Amino acid sequence: MALKILDYGSNEYRQMIKLREDILRKPLGLGFTPQELEKEKDNMLIGAFEDDDMLGCCMLVEKNAEIVRLRQMAVLNNLQGKGIGRALMNFAENLARDRGYKIISMHARKNAAGFYEKMGYKIASDEFKEITIPHYVMEKQL
């Protein structure tokens, strides 16, 4: 498996959009607007690949000089539990650390909080609803 930073607008980025739509959005009856995707051009876009096939993805969005936010973490349904998410998280954390960030923050779906807790993240908020699903703010010091 190869982990890499993707270029906005590339073929790999289009694969990332499709994966996120299939895993995160379509089950909720949602999609992406061109305006939402336009905002991603300055984000750190990360993909996990086997040959040319995307297995999983996530992105990092700068909140300020010390905090970066993990967003849009997705792994193909049939490959969840096989270490792809863990590899993506380790890659994202190393990338954030290398770029000088001190904290990774995220809005984690409640049903994924256990995965992030195993990765060293702590719940930092009460439960809240986002896109109709229960979430927590979770954080980790780098």
Protein backbone atom coordinates (compact mmCIF):
# COMPACT_ATOMS: atom_id res chain seq x y z
CA MET A 1 0.00 0.00 0.00
CA ALA A 2 1.27 3.47 -0.91
CA LEU A 3 0.36 6.62 1.02
CA LYS A 4 0.75 9.96 -0.69
CA ILE A 5 -0.20 13.60 -0.79
CA LEU A 6 -2.57 14.32 -3.67
CA ASP A 7 -2.73 17.32 -5.96
CA TYR A 8 -6.03 19.19 -5.99
CA GLY A 9 -7.79 18.63 -9.32
CA SER A 10 -5.76 15.52 -10.25
CA ASN A 11 -7.19 12.13 -11.26
CA GLU A 12 -6.28 10.88 -7.78
CA TYR A 13 -8.20 13.78 -6.25
CA ARG A 14 -11.26 12.84 -8.35
CA GLN A 15 -10.97 9.28 -6.95
CA MET A 16 -10.88 10.82 -3.48
CA ILE A 17 -14.11 12.75 -4.13
CA LYS A 18 -15.85 9.59 -5.36
CA LEU A 19 -14.69 7.53 -2.35
CA ARG A 20 -15.85 10.21 0.08
CA GLU A 21 -19.19 10.51 -1.72
CA ASP A 22 -19.72 6.73 -1.67
CA ILE A 23 -18.69 6.18 1.98
CA LEU A 24 -19.55 9.43 3.77
CA ARG A 25 -22.18 11.31 1.78
CA LYS A 26 -24.48 9.05 -0.29
CA PRO A 27 -25.60 6.97 2.72
CA LEU A 28 -26.94 10.26 4.16
CA GLY A 29 -28.49 11.41 0.89
CA LEU A 30 -25.82 14.10 0.48
CA GLY A 31 -23.30 15.09 -2.17
CA PHE A 32 -20.67 17.77 -2.66
CA THR A 33 -21.26 21.22 -4.09
CA PRO A 34 -18.66 22.83 -6.36
CA GLN A 35 -18.23 25.50 -3.66
CA GLU A 36 -17.37 22.88 -1.02
CA LEU A 37 -14.81 21.26 -3.31
CA GLU A 38 -13.31 24.63 -4.27
CA LYS A 39 -12.49 25.24 -0.59
CA GLU A 40 -10.32 22.09 -0.56
CA LYS A 41 -7.64 23.46 -2.90
CA ASP A 42 -5.44 24.62 0.00
CA ASN A 43 -5.92 21.48 2.13
CA MET A 44 -3.43 18.64 2.55
CA LEU A 45 -5.11 15.80 0.63
CA ILE A 46 -3.99 12.27 1.52
CA GLY A 47 -4.71 8.97 -0.22
CA ALA A 48 -3.93 5.30 0.36
CA PHE A 49 -3.49 3.28 -2.83
CA GLU A 50 -2.98 -0.26 -4.02
CA ASP A 51 -1.60 0.21 -7.53
CA ASP A 52 -3.95 2.84 -9.01
CA ASP A 53 -6.93 2.01 -6.78
CA MET A 54 -7.74 4.28 -3.85
CA LEU A 55 -8.37 2.34 -0.64
CA GLY A 56 -8.85 5.26 1.73
CA CYS A 57 -8.34 8.97 2.17
CA CYS A 58 -8.41 11.92 4.54
CA MET A 59 -7.45 15.57 4.55
CA LEU A 60 -5.85 18.07 6.89
CA VAL A 61 -7.17 21.62 7.10
CA GLU A 62 -5.23 24.33 8.92
CA LYS A 63 -7.21 26.03 11.71
CA ASN A 64 -4.26 28.15 12.86
CA ALA A 65 -0.46 27.90 13.16
CA GLU A 66 -0.71 25.23 15.89
CA ILE A 67 -3.91 23.30 15.13
CA VAL A 68 -4.79 21.29 12.07
CA ARG A 69 -8.16 19.59 11.57
CA LEU A 70 -8.56 16.08 10.20
CA ARG A 71 -11.56 15.82 7.87
CA GLN A 72 -13.26 13.42 5.49
CA MET A 73 -11.59 10.21 6.68
CA ALA A 74 -12.91 7.32 4.58
CA VAL A 75 -11.86 3.72 3.87
CA LEU A 76 -13.59 1.36 1.45
CA ASN A 77 -16.26 -0.53 3.41
CA ASN A 78 -14.91 -3.99 2.53
CA LEU A 79 -11.42 -3.00 3.75
CA GLN A 80 -12.28 -1.42 7.10
CA GLY A 81 -10.48 -3.06 10.01
CA LYS A 82 -7.46 -3.99 7.88
CA GLY A 83 -5.08 -1.23 9.04
CA ILE A 84 -5.68 1.28 6.24
CA GLY A 85 -7.26 3.86 8.56
CA ARG A 86 -4.42 3.44 11.06
CA ALA A 87 -1.84 3.91 8.28
CA LEU A 88 -3.64 7.03 7.02
CA MET A 89 -3.77 8.46 10.55
CA ASN A 90 -0.06 7.82 11.15
CA PHE A 91 0.80 9.44 7.81
CA ALA A 92 -1.45 12.46 8.55
CA GLU A 93 0.01 12.88 12.05
CA ASN A 94 3.58 12.74 10.74
CA LEU A 95 2.75 15.23 8.00
CA ALA A 96 1.15 17.59 10.53
CA ARG A 97 4.10 17.24 12.93
CA ASP A 98 6.60 17.85 10.11
CA ARG A 99 4.73 21.06 9.21
CA GLY A 100 4.92 22.34 12.77
CA TYR A 101 1.41 21.70 14.06
CA LYS A 102 0.99 20.84 17.74
CA ILE A 103 -2.59 19.47 17.81
CA ILE A 104 -4.83 17.49 15.47
CA SER A 105 -8.52 18.13 16.01
CA MET A 106 -11.55 16.56 14.32
CA HIS A 107 -15.30 16.16 14.39
CA ALA A 108 -15.46 12.37 14.75
CA ARG A 109 -18.59 10.38 14.11
CA LYS A 110 -19.70 8.78 17.37
CA ASN A 111 -19.51 5.29 15.85
CA ALA A 112 -15.83 5.91 14.95
CA ALA A 113 -14.77 7.44 18.29
CA GLY A 114 -13.41 4.10 19.57
CA PHE A 115 -11.05 3.84 16.58
CA TYR A 116 -9.68 7.33 17.23
CA GLU A 117 -9.36 6.66 20.98
CA LYS A 118 -7.14 3.66 20.17
CA MET A 119 -5.00 6.07 18.12
CA GLY A 120 -4.54 8.31 21.18
CA TYR A 121 -7.28 10.88 20.58
CA LYS A 122 -9.37 12.24 23.45
CA ILE A 123 -12.99 13.36 23.35
CA ALA A 124 -12.97 17.14 23.88
CA SER A 125 -16.69 18.01 23.64
CA ASP A 126 -20.16 16.87 24.47
CA GLU A 127 -21.92 14.88 21.77
CA PHE A 128 -23.39 17.05 19.00
CA LYS A 129 -25.21 16.48 15.70
CA GLU A 130 -23.51 17.25 12.41
CA ILE A 131 -25.00 16.24 9.06
CA THR A 132 -27.72 14.42 11.09
CA ILE A 133 -25.18 12.11 12.84
CA PRO A 134 -23.84 12.21 16.44
CA HIS A 135 -20.25 13.49 16.61
CA TYR A 136 -17.61 14.48 19.15
CA VAL A 137 -14.74 16.92 18.89
CA MET A 138 -11.63 14.80 19.41
CA GLU A 139 -8.05 15.99 19.77
CA LYS A 140 -4.51 14.67 20.04
CA GLN A 141 -1.30 16.46 21.00
CA LEU A 142 1.44 15.81 18.47
